Amino acid sequence: MQGFRNFIIRGNLVDIAVAFIIGLAFAAVVTTFTNWLTSLLPESASEVFSNTPNSFGAFLNAVISFLILAAVVYFFVVLPYTKAKEKYFPSEDPGTSADVAVLEEIRDLLATRGGQV
């Protein structure tokens, strides 16, 4: 069970799932916006002055649905995932990395030798 937990928390599985969900919801926003925008364009010159109803309400509905879905995903998936990841896999303390520390040590050794080879 520990291996499965590590797979779920350490991998990009949750990131991919969140991106997929948000991408699908945003696709609905783009689709309804495109439908609304194209409904404003006349199909012929006789329809330029006609008062046909457009689907702006559907676009607003898609935007509101997207924002609600994004909030739900953030508060119920992303935040708990981030907290669990920090609990089980704490990030390393910020500092110098191992390769930079080795280079600094080499620099200091060369400085104590006076640059002599």
Protein backbone atom coordinates (compact mmCIF):
# COMPACT_ATOMS: atom_id res chain seq x y z
CA MET A 1 0.00 0.00 0.00
CA GLN A 2 2.94 2.31 0.66
CA GLY A 3 4.14 1.92 -2.91
CA PHE A 4 0.73 2.86 -4.29
CA ARG A 5 0.55 5.92 -2.04
CA ASN A 6 4.00 6.99 -3.23
CA PHE A 7 2.92 6.49 -6.85
CA ILE A 8 -0.18 8.63 -6.40
CA ILE A 9 1.49 11.43 -4.45
CA ARG A 10 4.88 11.55 -6.13
CA GLY A 11 3.82 11.11 -9.74
CA ASN A 12 2.16 13.57 -12.03
CA LEU A 13 -1.09 11.62 -11.99
CA VAL A 14 -3.02 14.24 -10.02
CA ASP A 15 -1.56 17.07 -12.09
CA ILE A 16 -2.65 15.37 -15.31
CA ALA A 17 -6.14 14.66 -13.94
CA VAL A 18 -6.60 18.28 -12.84
CA ALA A 19 -5.35 19.56 -16.20
CA PHE A 20 -7.76 17.23 -18.01
CA ILE A 21 -10.76 18.35 -15.94
CA ILE A 22 -9.95 22.05 -16.29
CA GLY A 23 -9.23 21.60 -20.00
CA LEU A 24 -12.62 20.00 -20.63
CA ALA A 25 -14.41 22.72 -18.70
CA PHE A 26 -12.53 25.44 -20.56
CA ALA A 27 -13.35 23.76 -23.87
CA ALA A 28 -17.03 24.27 -23.05
CA VAL A 29 -16.35 27.97 -22.42
CA VAL A 30 -14.54 28.32 -25.74
CA THR A 31 -17.27 26.42 -27.60
CA THR A 32 -20.10 28.53 -26.21
CA PHE A 33 -18.16 31.73 -26.84
CA THR A 34 -17.58 30.69 -30.43
CA ASN A 35 -21.26 29.79 -30.85
CA TRP A 36 -22.31 33.15 -29.43
CA LEU A 37 -19.82 35.04 -31.59
CA THR A 38 -20.83 33.27 -34.77
CA SER A 39 -24.52 33.79 -33.98
CA LEU A 40 -23.88 37.54 -34.20
CA LEU A 41 -22.61 37.22 -37.76
CA PRO A 42 -25.34 37.40 -40.41
CA GLU A 43 -25.69 34.53 -42.84
CA SER A 44 -26.97 36.85 -45.53
CA ALA A 45 -27.41 40.56 -46.05
CA SER A 46 -31.13 40.33 -45.28
CA GLU A 47 -30.39 39.21 -41.71
CA VAL A 48 -28.19 42.17 -40.84
CA PHE A 49 -31.03 44.11 -39.22
CA SER A 50 -33.04 41.19 -37.87
CA ASN A 51 -33.41 40.72 -34.11
CA THR A 52 -32.53 37.06 -33.64
CA PRO A 53 -31.78 35.94 -30.08
CA ASN A 54 -28.16 35.06 -29.45
CA SER A 55 -26.69 32.59 -27.00
CA PHE A 56 -24.80 35.00 -24.75
CA GLY A 57 -26.62 33.51 -21.76
CA ALA A 58 -25.19 30.09 -22.62
CA PHE A 59 -21.72 31.63 -22.71
CA LEU A 60 -22.19 33.23 -19.28
CA ASN A 61 -23.51 29.93 -17.98
CA ALA A 62 -20.39 28.14 -19.27
CA VAL A 63 -18.09 30.76 -17.69
CA ILE A 64 -19.84 30.48 -14.31
CA SER A 65 -19.80 26.67 -14.52
CA PHE A 66 -16.08 26.77 -15.33
CA LEU A 67 -15.32 29.01 -12.35
CA ILE A 68 -17.33 26.83 -9.98
CA LEU A 69 -15.67 23.67 -11.29
CA ALA A 70 -12.22 25.25 -11.01
CA ALA A 71 -12.93 26.26 -7.40
CA VAL A 72 -14.17 22.78 -6.51
CA VAL A 73 -11.14 21.12 -8.12
CA TYR A 74 -8.79 23.55 -6.37
CA PHE A 75 -10.27 23.23 -2.89
CA PHE A 76 -11.09 19.50 -2.97
CA VAL A 77 -8.21 18.11 -5.07
CA VAL A 78 -5.27 20.50 -5.38
CA LEU A 79 -5.07 21.76 -1.79
CA PRO A 80 -5.38 18.31 -0.13
CA TYR A 81 -2.91 16.87 -2.68
CA THR A 82 -0.40 19.64 -1.95
CA LYS A 83 -0.72 19.17 1.81
CA ALA A 84 -0.36 15.39 1.54
CA LYS A 85 2.66 15.76 -0.72
CA GLU A 86 4.36 18.12 1.75
CA LYS A 87 3.53 15.78 4.65
CA TYR A 88 4.87 12.60 3.06
CA PHE A 89 7.57 14.11 0.85
CA PRO A 90 8.82 17.34 2.44
CA SER A 91 10.76 19.64 0.16
CA GLU A 92 14.44 20.06 0.77
CA ASP A 93 15.68 23.08 2.67
CA PRO A 94 16.70 25.88 0.34
CA GLY A 95 20.43 26.17 0.17
CA THR A 96 23.32 25.44 -2.06
CA SER A 97 23.02 22.32 -4.15
CA ALA A 98 25.63 19.57 -4.01
CA ASP A 99 27.34 20.51 -7.27
CA VAL A 100 27.60 24.18 -6.25
CA ALA A 101 29.02 23.16 -2.87
CA VAL A 102 31.71 21.04 -4.57
CA LEU A 103 32.62 23.90 -6.90
CA GLU A 104 32.87 26.29 -3.93
CA GLU A 105 35.12 23.82 -2.13
CA ILE A 106 37.38 23.56 -5.18
CA ARG A 107 37.47 27.35 -5.43
CA ASP A 108 38.43 27.67 -1.76
CA LEU A 109 41.15 25.03 -2.10
CA LEU A 110 42.60 26.83 -5.09
CA ALA A 111 42.51 30.12 -3.21
CA THR A 112 44.42 28.65 -0.23
CA ARG A 113 47.09 27.25 -2.54
CA GLY A 114 47.60 30.72 -3.97
CA GLY A 115 46.75 29.64 -7.46
CA GLN A 116 49.87 27.43 -7.68
CA VAL A 117 49.62 24.27 -9.72
